[in-house]
Amino acid sequence: MDNEKEIEESLNTEEEETSKNDEEQEEEKDFKTLYENQKIRAEKAEKALKTKDVPKVEKQTPKTKQTGNESDEDKEPNYSIKDIRSLNKIEDDDLDDFLEISKKFGLSPSEAKENKDVQAILSNRTELRKTKEATSTGSQKRGSNETSGKKLLDNAQVNNKVPEDDKSIAELTKARLFRNRT
């Protein structure tokens, strides 16, 4: 009887092991296929980079009126000399916005520069920039109103001017004592 139980148990464990092996084999196959797919994609990408045939991602832009096969946005701008001169007068910070505004109004840069609305926008930005520069209180350190001991000592010896406040007098005496020690 014990012998039969042992045989049944061994058969059960063998069945469990085979089912585990089957699961492991399926899992291993899945990993192998994933590995192969990844390897193929990597090789394709390397090949494309070596031949410089990088696939282009198409932009999703709203369709506008098109001339021929190219849209107006894809064309490189052809500026006249007058346009270039008017662009030279625009601040670098405002240049991108200026070109965008001129496109929205459908004007060339020289025409946009003469437009009253665009002039108002540019003058407003120039004024804001000047105000920002004038009121910048960022990381600038301000000098102190206190004069150093050396300055006080020189002023006292040359001009015979002794400071009136107690703090400055203390600085003057420290500077004089320090000078005598060295």
N, C-alpha and C. Protein backbone atom coordinates (compact mmCIF):
# COMPACT_ATOMS: atom_id res chain seq x y z
N MET A 1 0.81 -1.18 0.00
CA MET A 1 0.00 0.00 0.00
C MET A 1 0.86 1.26 0.00
N ASP A 2 1.84 1.23 0.85
CA ASP A 2 2.74 2.38 0.87
C ASP A 2 3.45 2.54 -0.46
N ASN A 3 3.70 1.42 -1.06
CA ASN A 3 4.37 1.43 -2.33
C ASN A 3 3.51 2.08 -3.41
N GLU A 4 2.24 1.82 -3.39
CA GLU A 4 1.32 2.40 -4.35
C GLU A 4 1.20 3.92 -4.17
N LYS A 5 1.17 4.33 -2.89
CA LYS A 5 1.10 5.78 -2.61
C LYS A 5 2.34 6.48 -3.12
N GLU A 6 3.48 5.87 -2.94
CA GLU A 6 4.73 6.46 -3.39
C GLU A 6 4.74 6.58 -4.91
N ILE A 7 4.22 5.54 -5.57
CA ILE A 7 4.17 5.56 -7.03
C ILE A 7 3.22 6.66 -7.51
N GLU A 8 2.07 6.80 -6.85
CA GLU A 8 1.12 7.86 -7.21
C GLU A 8 1.73 9.23 -6.98
N GLU A 9 2.39 9.39 -5.86
CA GLU A 9 3.01 10.68 -5.56
C GLU A 9 4.10 11.01 -6.57
N SER A 10 4.88 10.03 -6.93
CA SER A 10 5.94 10.28 -7.91
C SER A 10 5.35 10.63 -9.27
N LEU A 11 4.24 9.99 -9.63
CA LEU A 11 3.57 10.31 -10.88
C LEU A 11 3.00 11.73 -10.84
N ASN A 12 2.41 12.08 -9.70
CA ASN A 12 1.85 13.43 -9.55
C ASN A 12 2.96 14.48 -9.65
N THR A 13 4.08 14.24 -9.00
CA THR A 13 5.19 15.20 -9.05
C THR A 13 5.76 15.29 -10.46
N GLU A 14 5.81 14.14 -11.17
CA GLU A 14 6.29 14.15 -12.54
C GLU A 14 5.34 14.95 -13.44
N GLU A 15 4.04 14.82 -13.22
CA GLU A 15 3.06 15.58 -14.00
C GLU A 15 3.20 17.07 -13.72
N GLU A 16 3.41 17.42 -12.44
CA GLU A 16 3.58 18.82 -12.08
C GLU A 16 4.84 19.38 -12.72
N GLU A 17 5.91 18.59 -12.69
CA GLU A 17 7.16 19.04 -13.29
C GLU A 17 7.03 19.23 -14.79
N THR A 18 6.33 18.31 -15.44
CA THR A 18 6.14 18.45 -16.89
C THR A 18 5.28 19.66 -17.21
N SER A 19 4.25 19.92 -16.37
CA SER A 19 3.41 21.10 -16.61
C SER A 19 4.22 22.37 -16.35
N LYS A 20 5.09 22.32 -15.33
CA LYS A 20 5.96 23.48 -15.07
C LYS A 20 6.94 23.67 -16.21
N ASN A 21 7.48 22.57 -16.70
CA ASN A 21 8.41 22.65 -17.82
C ASN A 21 7.73 23.21 -19.05
N ASP A 22 6.50 22.80 -19.31
CA ASP A 22 5.75 23.31 -20.45
C ASP A 22 5.54 24.81 -20.32
N GLU A 23 5.17 25.26 -19.12
CA GLU A 23 4.97 26.70 -18.89
C GLU A 23 6.28 27.46 -19.07
N GLU A 24 7.35 26.89 -18.53
CA GLU A 24 8.66 27.54 -18.67
C GLU A 24 9.08 27.60 -20.12
N GLN A 25 8.80 26.53 -20.87
CA GLN A 25 9.16 26.52 -22.28
C GLN A 25 8.36 27.55 -23.06
N GLU A 26 7.09 27.69 -22.77
CA GLU A 26 6.27 28.70 -23.43
C GLU A 26 6.77 30.10 -23.10
N GLU A 27 7.10 30.29 -21.83
CA GLU A 27 7.60 31.59 -21.41
C GLU A 27 8.93 31.89 -22.09
N GLU A 28 9.76 30.89 -22.18
CA GLU A 28 11.05 31.05 -22.84
C GLU A 28 10.87 31.38 -24.32
N LYS A 29 9.88 30.73 -24.97
CA LYS A 29 9.60 31.03 -26.38
C LYS A 29 9.16 32.47 -26.54
N ASP A 30 8.31 32.93 -25.61
CA ASP A 30 7.84 34.32 -25.66
C ASP A 30 9.02 35.29 -25.56
N PHE A 31 9.93 35.00 -24.62
CA PHE A 31 11.09 35.87 -24.45
C PHE A 31 11.97 35.83 -25.70
N LYS A 32 12.12 34.66 -26.29
CA LYS A 32 12.94 34.56 -27.49
C LYS A 32 12.34 35.35 -28.64
N THR A 33 11.03 35.26 -28.82
CA THR A 33 10.40 36.01 -29.91
C THR A 33 10.51 37.52 -29.66
N LEU A 34 10.32 37.93 -28.41
CA LEU A 34 10.49 39.35 -28.10
C LEU A 34 11.91 39.81 -28.37
N TYR A 35 12.86 38.96 -27.98
CA TYR A 35 14.26 39.29 -28.20
C TYR A 35 14.56 39.41 -29.69
N GLU A 36 14.09 38.49 -30.47
CA GLU A 36 14.33 38.50 -31.91
C GLU A 36 13.70 39.74 -32.56
N ASN A 37 12.46 40.05 -32.16
CA ASN A 37 11.80 41.24 -32.70
C ASN A 37 12.58 42.50 -32.37
N GLN A 38 13.04 42.60 -31.14
CA GLN A 38 13.81 43.77 -30.71
C GLN A 38 15.12 43.86 -31.49
N LYS A 39 15.76 42.72 -31.68
CA LYS A 39 17.02 42.67 -32.41
C LYS A 39 16.82 43.13 -33.85
N ILE A 40 15.75 42.67 -34.48
CA ILE A 40 15.47 43.06 -35.87
C ILE A 40 15.23 44.55 -35.97
N ARG A 41 14.45 45.11 -35.03
CA ARG A 41 14.19 46.56 -35.05
C ARG A 41 15.48 47.35 -34.85
N ALA A 42 16.35 46.89 -33.96
CA ALA A 42 17.61 47.59 -33.71
C ALA A 42 18.50 47.55 -34.94
N GLU A 43 18.55 46.42 -35.61
CA GLU A 43 19.36 46.31 -36.82
C GLU A 43 18.84 47.22 -37.92
N LYS A 44 17.54 47.30 -38.06
CA LYS A 44 16.94 48.20 -39.07
C LYS A 44 17.28 49.66 -38.76
N ALA A 45 17.20 50.00 -37.49
CA ALA A 45 17.50 51.39 -37.10
C ALA A 45 18.97 51.72 -37.35
N GLU A 46 19.86 50.80 -37.03
CA GLU A 46 21.28 51.03 -37.29
C GLU A 46 21.55 51.17 -38.78
N LYS A 47 20.94 50.31 -39.57
CA LYS A 47 21.12 50.36 -41.01
C LYS A 47 20.62 51.70 -41.57
N ALA A 48 19.48 52.15 -41.07
CA ALA A 48 18.93 53.43 -41.54
C ALA A 48 19.84 54.58 -41.17
N LEU A 49 20.43 54.54 -39.98
CA LEU A 49 21.33 55.61 -39.57
C LEU A 49 22.61 55.60 -40.40
N LYS A 50 23.11 54.41 -40.71
CA LYS A 50 24.33 54.32 -41.50
C LYS A 50 24.12 54.84 -42.90
N THR A 51 22.98 54.59 -43.47
CA THR A 51 22.70 55.06 -44.82
C THR A 51 22.01 56.42 -44.83
N LYS A 52 21.79 56.96 -43.64
CA LYS A 52 21.14 58.27 -43.48
C LYS A 52 19.76 58.32 -44.11
N ASP A 53 19.08 57.21 -44.08
CA ASP A 53 17.70 57.15 -44.56
C ASP A 53 16.76 57.13 -43.37
N VAL A 54 16.89 58.14 -42.53
CA VAL A 54 16.06 58.20 -41.34
C VAL A 54 14.63 58.51 -41.79
N PRO A 55 13.69 57.69 -41.38
CA PRO A 55 12.31 57.94 -41.81
C PRO A 55 11.81 59.26 -41.22
N LYS A 56 11.15 60.03 -42.06
CA LYS A 56 10.62 61.31 -41.62
C LYS A 56 9.25 61.13 -41.00
N VAL A 57 9.05 61.84 -39.91
CA VAL A 57 7.74 61.82 -39.27
C VAL A 57 6.94 62.96 -39.87
N GLU A 58 5.79 62.63 -40.40
CA GLU A 58 4.98 63.65 -41.05
C GLU A 58 4.31 64.54 -40.02
N LYS A 59 4.38 65.84 -40.29
CA LYS A 59 3.74 66.80 -39.40
C LYS A 59 2.24 66.80 -39.67
N GLN A 60 1.49 66.94 -38.61
CA GLN A 60 0.05 67.05 -38.78
C GLN A 60 -0.31 68.53 -38.67
N THR A 61 -0.45 69.16 -39.82
CA THR A 61 -0.77 70.58 -39.86
C THR A 61 -2.13 70.73 -40.51
N PRO A 62 -2.82 71.78 -40.12
CA PRO A 62 -4.10 72.02 -40.78
C PRO A 62 -3.86 72.34 -42.25
N LYS A 63 -4.74 71.82 -43.10
CA LYS A 63 -4.56 72.04 -44.52
C LYS A 63 -4.89 73.48 -44.88
N THR A 64 -3.96 74.10 -45.58
CA THR A 64 -4.15 75.47 -46.04
C THR A 64 -4.16 75.45 -47.56
N LYS A 65 -4.34 76.60 -48.13
CA LYS A 65 -4.33 76.64 -49.58
C LYS A 65 -2.93 76.27 -50.06
N GLN A 66 -2.86 75.42 -51.06
CA GLN A 66 -1.59 74.93 -51.53
C GLN A 66 -1.36 75.37 -52.96
N THR A 67 -0.08 75.66 -53.24
CA THR A 67 0.31 75.99 -54.59
C THR A 67 1.16 74.84 -55.08
N GLY A 68 0.71 74.13 -56.04
CA GLY A 68 1.44 72.95 -56.52
C GLY A 68 1.39 71.85 -55.48
N ASN A 69 2.53 71.27 -55.19
CA ASN A 69 2.61 70.19 -54.22
C ASN A 69 3.06 70.66 -52.84
N GLU A 70 3.54 71.88 -52.71
CA GLU A 70 4.06 72.37 -51.44
C GLU A 70 3.06 73.33 -50.80
N SER A 71 2.99 73.30 -49.49
CA SER A 71 2.15 74.27 -48.80
C SER A 71 2.97 75.52 -48.55
N ASP A 72 2.31 76.62 -48.19
CA ASP A 72 2.99 77.88 -47.95
C ASP A 72 3.93 77.79 -46.76
N GLU A 73 3.60 76.96 -45.78
CA GLU A 73 4.41 76.86 -44.58
C GLU A 73 5.70 76.10 -44.83
N ASP A 74 5.73 75.20 -45.80
CA ASP A 74 6.92 74.39 -46.07
C ASP A 74 7.95 75.15 -46.88
N LYS A 75 7.55 76.18 -47.56
CA LYS A 75 8.48 76.93 -48.39
C LYS A 75 9.42 77.76 -47.52
N GLU A 76 10.65 77.90 -47.99
CA GLU A 76 11.58 78.79 -47.33
C GLU A 76 11.24 80.21 -47.78
N PRO A 77 11.30 81.17 -46.85
CA PRO A 77 10.91 82.53 -47.23
C PRO A 77 11.94 83.15 -48.17
N ASN A 78 11.44 83.86 -49.16
CA ASN A 78 12.28 84.63 -50.07
C ASN A 78 12.05 86.10 -49.77
N TYR A 79 13.00 86.69 -49.04
CA TYR A 79 12.86 88.09 -48.64
C TYR A 79 13.58 89.00 -49.62
N SER A 80 12.98 90.15 -49.87
CA SER A 80 13.63 91.15 -50.70
C SER A 80 14.62 91.93 -49.83
N ILE A 81 15.40 92.75 -50.47
CA ILE A 81 16.39 93.56 -49.73
C ILE A 81 15.67 94.50 -48.77
N LYS A 82 14.56 95.03 -49.21
CA LYS A 82 13.77 95.92 -48.35
C LYS A 82 13.28 95.18 -47.11
N ASP A 83 12.85 93.91 -47.28
CA ASP A 83 12.41 93.11 -46.15
C ASP A 83 13.56 92.85 -45.18
N ILE A 84 14.72 92.53 -45.71
CA ILE A 84 15.88 92.24 -44.87
C ILE A 84 16.29 93.48 -44.08
N ARG A 85 16.25 94.64 -44.72
CA ARG A 85 16.59 95.88 -44.00
C ARG A 85 15.60 96.16 -42.88
N SER A 86 14.34 95.88 -43.12
CA SER A 86 13.35 96.12 -42.07
C SER A 86 13.52 95.10 -40.93
N LEU A 87 13.94 93.89 -41.25
CA LEU A 87 14.20 92.88 -40.22
C LEU A 87 15.41 93.24 -39.37
N ASN A 88 16.38 93.94 -39.96
CA ASN A 88 17.57 94.35 -39.20
C ASN A 88 17.22 95.35 -38.11
N LYS A 89 16.14 96.08 -38.29
CA LYS A 89 15.75 97.09 -37.31
C LYS A 89 14.95 96.53 -36.14
N ILE A 90 14.58 95.25 -36.22
CA ILE A 90 13.79 94.60 -35.18
C ILE A 90 14.73 93.99 -34.14
N GLU A 91 14.37 94.10 -32.87
CA GLU A 91 15.15 93.48 -31.80
C GLU A 91 15.16 91.96 -31.98
N ASP A 92 16.26 91.33 -31.57
CA ASP A 92 16.37 89.87 -31.72
C ASP A 92 15.30 89.13 -30.92
N ASP A 93 14.95 89.65 -29.76
CA ASP A 93 13.93 89.01 -28.93
C ASP A 93 12.55 89.01 -29.60
N ASP A 94 12.29 90.00 -30.42
CA ASP A 94 10.98 90.16 -31.04
C ASP A 94 10.90 89.58 -32.45
N LEU A 95 12.01 89.13 -33.00
CA LEU A 95 12.06 88.76 -34.41
C LEU A 95 11.12 87.60 -34.75
N ASP A 96 11.14 86.53 -33.96
CA ASP A 96 10.27 85.38 -34.27
C ASP A 96 8.79 85.77 -34.20
N ASP A 97 8.44 86.53 -33.16
CA ASP A 97 7.05 86.95 -33.03
C ASP A 97 6.64 87.90 -34.16
N PHE A 98 7.57 88.78 -34.56
CA PHE A 98 7.30 89.71 -35.65
C PHE A 98 7.01 88.96 -36.95
N LEU A 99 7.82 87.94 -37.24
CA LEU A 99 7.61 87.16 -38.46
C LEU A 99 6.29 86.39 -38.41
N GLU A 100 5.96 85.88 -37.23
CA GLU A 100 4.70 85.16 -37.07
C GLU A 100 3.51 86.10 -37.28
N ILE A 101 3.60 87.30 -36.73
CA ILE A 101 2.52 88.29 -36.89
C ILE A 101 2.39 88.70 -38.35
N SER A 102 3.53 88.90 -39.01
CA SER A 102 3.46 89.32 -40.41
C SER A 102 2.84 88.22 -41.27
N LYS A 103 3.09 86.95 -40.93
CA LYS A 103 2.45 85.85 -41.67
C LYS A 103 0.95 85.84 -41.42
N LYS A 104 0.55 86.06 -40.15
CA LYS A 104 -0.88 86.05 -39.83
C LYS A 104 -1.63 87.15 -40.56
N PHE A 105 -1.00 88.32 -40.67
CA PHE A 105 -1.63 89.43 -41.38
C PHE A 105 -1.48 89.28 -42.89
N GLY A 106 -0.63 88.36 -43.34
CA GLY A 106 -0.41 88.15 -44.77
C GLY A 106 0.40 89.27 -45.38
N LEU A 107 1.34 89.83 -44.60
CA LEU A 107 2.15 90.94 -45.07
C LEU A 107 3.61 90.53 -45.17
N SER A 108 4.33 91.19 -46.06
CA SER A 108 5.78 90.99 -46.10
C SER A 108 6.38 91.73 -44.89
N PRO A 109 7.60 91.38 -44.48
CA PRO A 109 8.19 92.06 -43.31
C PRO A 109 8.29 93.58 -43.46
N SER A 110 8.58 94.06 -44.67
CA SER A 110 8.67 95.52 -44.84
C SER A 110 7.30 96.17 -44.68
N GLU A 111 6.24 95.52 -45.20
CA GLU A 111 4.88 96.05 -45.05
C GLU A 111 4.42 95.95 -43.60
N ALA A 112 4.80 94.86 -42.93
CA ALA A 112 4.40 94.68 -41.53
C ALA A 112 5.08 95.72 -40.64
N LYS A 113 6.32 96.09 -40.98
CA LYS A 113 7.04 97.09 -40.19
C LYS A 113 6.35 98.45 -40.27
N GLU A 114 5.69 98.74 -41.38
CA GLU A 114 4.99 100.01 -41.56
C GLU A 114 3.56 99.96 -41.03
N ASN A 115 3.05 98.78 -40.72
CA ASN A 115 1.69 98.62 -40.22
C ASN A 115 1.58 99.21 -38.81
N LYS A 116 0.55 100.00 -38.55
CA LYS A 116 0.36 100.67 -37.26
C LYS A 116 0.17 99.67 -36.12
N ASP A 117 -0.57 98.59 -36.37
CA ASP A 117 -0.81 97.61 -35.31
C ASP A 117 0.50 96.91 -34.90
N VAL A 118 1.28 96.55 -35.89
CA VAL A 118 2.56 95.88 -35.60
C VAL A 118 3.51 96.85 -34.92
N GLN A 119 3.50 98.10 -35.35
CA GLN A 119 4.34 99.11 -34.71
C GLN A 119 3.96 99.29 -33.24
N ALA A 120 2.68 99.24 -32.95
CA ALA A 120 2.22 99.38 -31.57
C ALA A 120 2.71 98.20 -30.72
N ILE A 121 2.65 97.01 -31.27
CA ILE A 121 3.12 95.83 -30.54
C ILE A 121 4.61 95.93 -30.28
N LEU A 122 5.37 96.33 -31.31
CA LEU A 122 6.82 96.42 -31.15
C LEU A 122 7.23 97.52 -30.17
N SER A 123 6.54 98.66 -30.23
CA SER A 123 6.87 99.74 -29.31
C SER A 123 6.52 99.36 -27.87
N ASN A 124 5.42 98.63 -27.71
CA ASN A 124 5.04 98.15 -26.37
C ASN A 124 6.11 97.21 -25.82
N ARG A 125 6.60 96.31 -26.65
CA ARG A 125 7.64 95.38 -26.20
C ARG A 125 8.95 96.10 -25.89
N THR A 126 9.30 97.11 -26.69
CA THR A 126 10.51 97.89 -26.43
C THR A 126 10.39 98.62 -25.10
N GLU A 127 9.22 99.19 -24.85
CA GLU A 127 8.99 99.89 -23.58
C GLU A 127 9.08 98.92 -22.40
N LEU A 128 8.51 97.75 -22.54
CA LEU A 128 8.59 96.74 -21.48
C LEU A 128 10.03 96.32 -21.22
N ARG A 129 10.79 96.17 -22.28
CA ARG A 129 12.19 95.79 -22.14
C ARG A 129 12.99 96.87 -21.41
N LYS A 130 12.75 98.13 -21.77
CA LYS A 130 13.46 99.24 -21.11
C LYS A 130 13.08 99.32 -19.63
N THR A 131 11.81 99.13 -19.34
CA THR A 131 11.35 99.15 -17.95
C THR A 131 11.99 98.02 -17.16
N LYS A 132 12.05 96.87 -17.77
CA LYS A 132 12.65 95.71 -17.10
C LYS A 132 14.13 95.96 -16.79
N GLU A 133 14.83 96.55 -17.74
CA GLU A 133 16.25 96.85 -17.51
C GLU A 133 16.43 97.89 -16.41
N ALA A 134 15.55 98.89 -16.38
CA ALA A 134 15.67 99.95 -15.39
C ALA A 134 15.32 99.48 -13.99
N THR A 135 14.39 98.55 -13.88
CA THR A 135 13.95 98.11 -12.56
C THR A 135 14.51 96.76 -12.16
N SER A 136 15.51 96.28 -12.87
CA SER A 136 16.04 94.96 -12.52
C SER A 136 16.69 95.04 -11.14
N THR A 137 16.16 94.25 -10.25
CA THR A 137 16.69 94.21 -8.88
C THR A 137 17.13 92.79 -8.55
N GLY A 138 17.52 92.07 -9.56
CA GLY A 138 17.87 90.67 -9.41
C GLY A 138 18.98 90.42 -8.43
N SER A 139 20.09 89.92 -8.90
CA SER A 139 21.17 89.49 -8.03
C SER A 139 22.24 90.56 -7.86
N GLN A 140 21.93 91.80 -8.20
CA GLN A 140 22.92 92.86 -8.04
C GLN A 140 23.06 93.21 -6.57
N LYS A 141 24.30 93.36 -6.14
CA LYS A 141 24.54 93.76 -4.76
C LYS A 141 24.77 95.26 -4.73
N ARG A 142 24.18 95.86 -3.78
CA ARG A 142 24.32 97.31 -3.66
C ARG A 142 25.46 97.63 -2.71
N GLY A 143 26.18 98.68 -2.99
CA GLY A 143 27.28 99.09 -2.12
C GLY A 143 26.74 99.68 -0.83
N SER A 144 27.52 99.53 0.21
CA SER A 144 27.06 100.07 1.49
C SER A 144 27.45 101.54 1.60
N ASN A 145 26.72 102.27 2.41
CA ASN A 145 27.01 103.67 2.62
C ASN A 145 28.12 103.88 3.63
N GLU A 146 28.48 102.81 4.33
CA GLU A 146 29.52 102.93 5.33
C GLU A 146 30.87 103.03 4.63
N THR A 147 31.72 103.90 5.13
CA THR A 147 33.05 104.03 4.57
C THR A 147 34.00 103.16 5.36
N SER A 148 34.99 102.63 4.70
CA SER A 148 35.92 101.73 5.36
C SER A 148 36.86 102.51 6.27
N GLY A 149 37.52 101.75 7.14
CA GLY A 149 38.44 102.38 8.09
C GLY A 149 39.58 103.10 7.39
N LYS A 150 40.09 102.53 6.32
CA LYS A 150 41.20 103.15 5.58
C LYS A 150 40.76 104.48 4.99
N LYS A 151 39.55 104.51 4.41
CA LYS A 151 39.06 105.77 3.85
C LYS A 151 38.88 106.83 4.93
N LEU A 152 38.34 106.39 6.08
CA LEU A 152 38.15 107.34 7.18
C LEU A 152 39.49 107.88 7.67
N LEU A 153 40.49 107.02 7.75
CA LEU A 153 41.82 107.43 8.21
C LEU A 153 42.46 108.41 7.24
N ASP A 154 42.37 108.11 5.94
CA ASP A 154 42.93 109.01 4.92
C ASP A 154 42.21 110.35 4.95
N ASN A 155 40.89 110.33 5.09
CA ASN A 155 40.10 111.56 5.12
C ASN A 155 40.45 112.40 6.35
N ALA A 156 40.69 111.73 7.47
CA ALA A 156 41.04 112.46 8.70
C ALA A 156 42.42 113.09 8.61
N GLN A 157 43.37 112.39 8.00
CA GLN A 157 44.74 112.91 7.91
C GLN A 157 44.87 114.01 6.86
N VAL A 158 44.25 113.83 5.70
CA VAL A 158 44.41 114.78 4.61
C VAL A 158 43.52 116.00 4.80
N ASN A 159 42.24 115.79 5.11
CA ASN A 159 41.28 116.89 5.16
C ASN A 159 40.97 117.35 6.58
N ASN A 160 41.55 116.70 7.56
CA ASN A 160 41.27 116.99 8.96
C ASN A 160 39.77 116.91 9.27
N LYS A 161 39.10 115.91 8.67
CA LYS A 161 37.67 115.72 8.91
C LYS A 161 37.51 114.47 9.75
N VAL A 162 36.92 114.63 10.91
CA VAL A 162 36.66 113.50 11.80
C VAL A 162 35.17 113.19 11.70
N PRO A 163 34.81 111.92 11.58
CA PRO A 163 33.39 111.58 11.48
C PRO A 163 32.63 111.92 12.75
N GLU A 164 31.34 112.15 12.60
CA GLU A 164 30.52 112.57 13.73
C GLU A 164 29.83 111.41 14.45
N ASP A 165 29.51 110.31 13.75
CA ASP A 165 28.79 109.23 14.42
C ASP A 165 29.77 108.28 15.12
N ASP A 166 29.26 107.62 16.13
CA ASP A 166 30.10 106.77 16.99
C ASP A 166 30.67 105.57 16.24
N LYS A 167 29.90 104.99 15.37
CA LYS A 167 30.35 103.82 14.64
C LYS A 167 31.55 104.15 13.75
N SER A 168 31.48 105.27 13.06
CA SER A 168 32.57 105.68 12.18
C SER A 168 33.82 106.02 12.99
N ILE A 169 33.63 106.64 14.16
CA ILE A 169 34.78 106.98 15.02
C ILE A 169 35.46 105.69 15.50
N ALA A 170 34.66 104.68 15.84
CA ALA A 170 35.23 103.40 16.25
C ALA A 170 36.02 102.77 15.11
N GLU A 171 35.49 102.84 13.90
CA GLU A 171 36.20 102.32 12.73
C GLU A 171 37.51 103.07 12.51
N LEU A 172 37.48 104.39 12.68
CA LEU A 172 38.68 105.21 12.51
C LEU A 172 39.76 104.81 13.51
N THR A 173 39.38 104.60 14.76
CA THR A 173 40.37 104.23 15.77
C THR A 173 40.92 102.83 15.51
N LYS A 174 40.07 101.88 15.07
CA LYS A 174 40.55 100.53 14.73
C LYS A 174 41.55 100.59 13.59
N ALA A 175 41.24 101.39 12.57
CA ALA A 175 42.12 101.51 11.42
C ALA A 175 43.45 102.13 11.83
N ARG A 176 43.41 103.11 12.73
CA ARG A 176 44.65 103.77 13.18
C ARG A 176 45.50 102.81 14.01
N LEU A 177 44.86 102.04 14.90
CA LEU A 177 45.60 101.06 15.69
C LEU A 177 46.19 99.95 14.80
N PHE A 178 45.43 99.50 13.84
CA PHE A 178 45.88 98.45 12.95
C PHE A 178 47.07 98.93 12.11
N ARG A 179 47.03 100.19 11.68
CA ARG A 179 48.12 100.75 10.88
C ARG A 179 49.39 100.87 11.71
N ASN A 180 49.24 101.22 12.99
CA ASN A 180 50.40 101.36 13.86
C ASN A 180 51.04 100.00 14.15
N ARG A 181 50.28 98.93 14.17
CA ARG A 181 50.83 97.60 14.45
C ARG A 181 51.63 97.05 13.29
N THR A 182 51.29 97.42 12.09
CA THR A 182 51.99 96.85 10.94
C THR A 182 53.13 97.69 10.49
